[in-house]
Amino acid sequence: MEMIARVTIRGAKTWVGNMDGKQLDTGKIYTDVELRGEDSKGTCTQELKCESSAVVKAIIHNPFPFIAEVSMVETSNGKDKGGQKVVTSIKPLQRAEAEPKKA
């Protein structure tokens, strides 16, 4: 299933190389998500896998954090917690408010 979400991206990283004889080309972004639960308040970051490092390289020049429209595909292996979201494209929209640094 393909979906589009508006997210705050806090960070990103890429890795291209060879591991155990297998060529890998990956990227990840880190987005804000609400903490859930009765005793929880605020946000934390969630790692989202990208289909390749090219998805991240296209936005890495932007100052972080920023708000973006993210297209992703959700897949499942048919089991309860076997779902995975893979980001296919990122469209930066605007700079997000940076939190003030603590002294």
C-alpha atoms as a PDB file:
ATOM      1  CA  MET A   1       0.000   0.000   0.000  1.00  0.00           C
ATOM      2  CA  GLU A   2       1.360   3.426  -0.954  1.00  0.00           C
ATOM      3  CA  MET A   3       0.811   6.382   1.367  1.00  0.00           C
ATOM      4  CA  ILE A   4       1.859  10.000   1.842  1.00  0.00           C
ATOM      5  CA  ALA A   5       2.588  11.524   5.243  1.00  0.00           C
ATOM      6  CA  ARG A   6       3.655  14.952   6.464  1.00  0.00           C
ATOM      7  CA  VAL A   7       6.486  14.511   8.970  1.00  0.00           C
ATOM      8  CA  THR A   8       9.213  16.424  10.791  1.00  0.00           C
ATOM      9  CA  ILE A   9      12.588  15.004   9.808  1.00  0.00           C
ATOM     10  CA  ARG A  10      15.233  15.390  12.539  1.00  0.00           C
ATOM     11  CA  GLY A  11      18.096  13.530  10.899  1.00  0.00           C
ATOM     12  CA  ALA A  12      19.180  11.213   8.095  1.00  0.00           C
ATOM     13  CA  LYS A  13      22.015   8.887   7.159  1.00  0.00           C
ATOM     14  CA  THR A  14      23.176   6.761   4.234  1.00  0.00           C
ATOM     15  CA  TRP A  15      25.360   3.730   3.780  1.00  0.00           C
ATOM     16  CA  VAL A  16      26.673   2.311   0.529  1.00  0.00           C
ATOM     17  CA  GLY A  17      29.089  -0.585   0.616  1.00  0.00           C
ATOM     18  CA  ASN A  18      29.703  -4.297   0.621  1.00  0.00           C
ATOM     19  CA  MET A  19      28.796  -6.522   3.556  1.00  0.00           C
ATOM     20  CA  ASP A  20      29.366 -10.278   3.496  1.00  0.00           C
ATOM     21  CA  GLY A  21      29.781 -10.174  -0.283  1.00  0.00           C
ATOM     22  CA  LYS A  22      26.470  -8.394  -0.796  1.00  0.00           C
ATOM     23  CA  GLN A  23      26.327  -4.861  -2.236  1.00  0.00           C
ATOM     24  CA  LEU A  24      24.117  -2.605  -0.072  1.00  0.00           C
ATOM     25  CA  ASP A  25      22.725   0.862  -0.791  1.00  0.00           C
ATOM     26  CA  THR A  26      20.582   2.111   2.087  1.00  0.00           C
ATOM     27  CA  GLY A  27      19.321   5.252   3.720  1.00  0.00           C
ATOM     28  CA  LYS A  28      17.356   6.096   6.854  1.00  0.00           C
ATOM     29  CA  ILE A  29      15.502   9.135   8.112  1.00  0.00           C
ATOM     30  CA  TYR A  30      14.531   9.945  11.685  1.00  0.00           C
ATOM     31  CA  THR A  31      11.089  11.487  12.179  1.00  0.00           C
ATOM     32  CA  ASP A  32       9.102  12.812  15.133  1.00  0.00           C
ATOM     33  CA  VAL A  33       6.389  10.539  16.528  1.00  0.00           C
ATOM     34  CA  GLU A  34       4.047  11.046  19.471  1.00  0.00           C
ATOM     35  CA  LEU A  35       4.694   8.951  22.550  1.00  0.00           C
ATOM     36  CA  ARG A  36       1.703   6.793  23.344  1.00  0.00           C
ATOM     37  CA  GLY A  37       0.515   5.603  26.711  1.00  0.00           C
ATOM     38  CA  GLU A  38      -1.155   6.923  29.783  1.00  0.00           C
ATOM     39  CA  ASP A  39       2.108   7.919  31.465  1.00  0.00           C
ATOM     40  CA  SER A  40       3.784   9.306  28.324  1.00  0.00           C
ATOM     41  CA  LYS A  41       3.963  12.838  27.032  1.00  0.00           C
ATOM     42  CA  GLY A  42       5.826  14.437  24.143  1.00  0.00           C
ATOM     43  CA  THR A  43       7.643  13.042  21.143  1.00  0.00           C
ATOM     44  CA  CYS A  44      10.565  10.836  20.220  1.00  0.00           C
ATOM     45  CA  THR A  45      12.185   9.942  16.905  1.00  0.00           C
ATOM     46  CA  GLN A  46      11.406   6.908  14.777  1.00  0.00           C
ATOM     47  CA  GLU A  47      13.729   5.410  12.186  1.00  0.00           C
ATOM     48  CA  LEU A  48      12.255   4.924   8.706  1.00  0.00           C
ATOM     49  CA  LYS A  49      14.097   2.910   6.055  1.00  0.00           C
ATOM     50  CA  CYS A  50      14.500   4.438   2.585  1.00  0.00           C
ATOM     51  CA  GLU A  51      14.550   2.402  -0.624  1.00  0.00           C
ATOM     52  CA  SER A  52      18.083   3.635  -1.414  1.00  0.00           C
ATOM     53  CA  SER A  53      20.695   6.183  -0.373  1.00  0.00           C
ATOM     54  CA  ALA A  54      19.573   8.383  -3.302  1.00  0.00           C
ATOM     55  CA  VAL A  55      16.350   9.233  -1.424  1.00  0.00           C
ATOM     56  CA  VAL A  56      18.388  10.644   1.486  1.00  0.00           C
ATOM     57  CA  LYS A  57      21.090  12.243  -0.671  1.00  0.00           C
ATOM     58  CA  ALA A  58      18.387  14.320  -2.384  1.00  0.00           C
ATOM     59  CA  ILE A  59      17.498  16.059   0.923  1.00  0.00           C
ATOM     60  CA  ILE A  60      20.698  15.888   2.996  1.00  0.00           C
ATOM     61  CA  HIS A  61      21.666  19.488   2.047  1.00  0.00           C
ATOM     62  CA  ASN A  62      18.589  20.885   3.864  1.00  0.00           C
ATOM     63  CA  PRO A  63      19.039  22.337   7.369  1.00  0.00           C
ATOM     64  CA  PHE A  64      17.542  19.996   9.969  1.00  0.00           C
ATOM     65  CA  PRO A  65      14.898  19.738  11.337  1.00  0.00           C
ATOM     66  CA  PHE A  66      12.444  20.325   8.488  1.00  0.00           C
ATOM     67  CA  ILE A  67       8.887  19.396   7.595  1.00  0.00           C
ATOM     68  CA  ALA A  68       8.474  17.188   4.528  1.00  0.00           C
ATOM     69  CA  GLU A  69       5.942  15.229   2.559  1.00  0.00           C
ATOM     70  CA  VAL A  70       7.107  11.617   2.550  1.00  0.00           C
ATOM     71  CA  SER A  71       5.863   8.942   0.145  1.00  0.00           C
ATOM     72  CA  MET A  72       6.202   5.401   1.414  1.00  0.00           C
ATOM     73  CA  VAL A  73       5.140   1.872   0.660  1.00  0.00           C
ATOM     74  CA  GLU A  74       3.957  -0.418   3.445  1.00  0.00           C
ATOM     75  CA  THR A  75       4.564  -4.129   3.081  1.00  0.00           C
ATOM     76  CA  SER A  76       3.798  -7.099   5.302  1.00  0.00           C
ATOM     77  CA  ASN A  77       4.817 -10.714   5.610  1.00  0.00           C
ATOM     78  CA  GLY A  78       1.268 -11.557   6.703  1.00  0.00           C
ATOM     79  CA  LYS A  79       2.052 -11.754  10.416  1.00  0.00           C
ATOM     80  CA  ASP A  80       0.862  -9.378  13.147  1.00  0.00           C
ATOM     81  CA  LYS A  81       4.018  -7.302  13.584  1.00  0.00           C
ATOM     82  CA  GLY A  82       5.672  -8.100  10.280  1.00  0.00           C
ATOM     83  CA  GLY A  83       4.820  -4.803   8.563  1.00  0.00           C
ATOM     84  CA  GLN A  84       7.517  -2.519   7.218  1.00  0.00           C
ATOM     85  CA  LYS A  85       7.362   1.015   5.817  1.00  0.00           C
ATOM     86  CA  VAL A  86       9.887   1.970   3.123  1.00  0.00           C
ATOM     87  CA  VAL A  87      10.281   5.620   2.085  1.00  0.00           C
ATOM     88  CA  THR A  88      10.320   6.069  -1.701  1.00  0.00           C
ATOM     89  CA  SER A  89      10.527   9.889  -1.940  1.00  0.00           C
ATOM     90  CA  ILE A  90      10.849  12.986   0.244  1.00  0.00           C
ATOM     91  CA  LYS A  91       9.609  16.473  -0.665  1.00  0.00           C
ATOM     92  CA  PRO A  92      10.870  19.187   1.748  1.00  0.00           C
ATOM     93  CA  LEU A  93       8.150  21.737   2.583  1.00  0.00           C
ATOM     94  CA  GLN A  94       9.499  24.116   5.238  1.00  0.00           C
ATOM     95  CA  ARG A  95      12.006  24.507   8.024  1.00  0.00           C
ATOM     96  CA  ALA A  96      10.730  23.225  11.375  1.00  0.00           C
ATOM     97  CA  GLU A  97      11.078  25.167  14.592  1.00  0.00           C
ATOM     98  CA  ALA A  98      14.314  24.133  16.257  1.00  0.00           C
ATOM     99  CA  GLU A  99      14.050  23.534  19.970  1.00  0.00           C
ATOM    100  CA  PRO A 100      16.040  26.005  22.078  1.00  0.00           C
ATOM    101  CA  LYS A 101      19.379  24.707  23.325  1.00  0.00           C
ATOM    102  CA  LYS A 102      19.566  24.100  27.059  1.00  0.00           C
ATOM    103  CA  ALA A 103      22.293  25.864  28.989  1.00  0.00           C
END
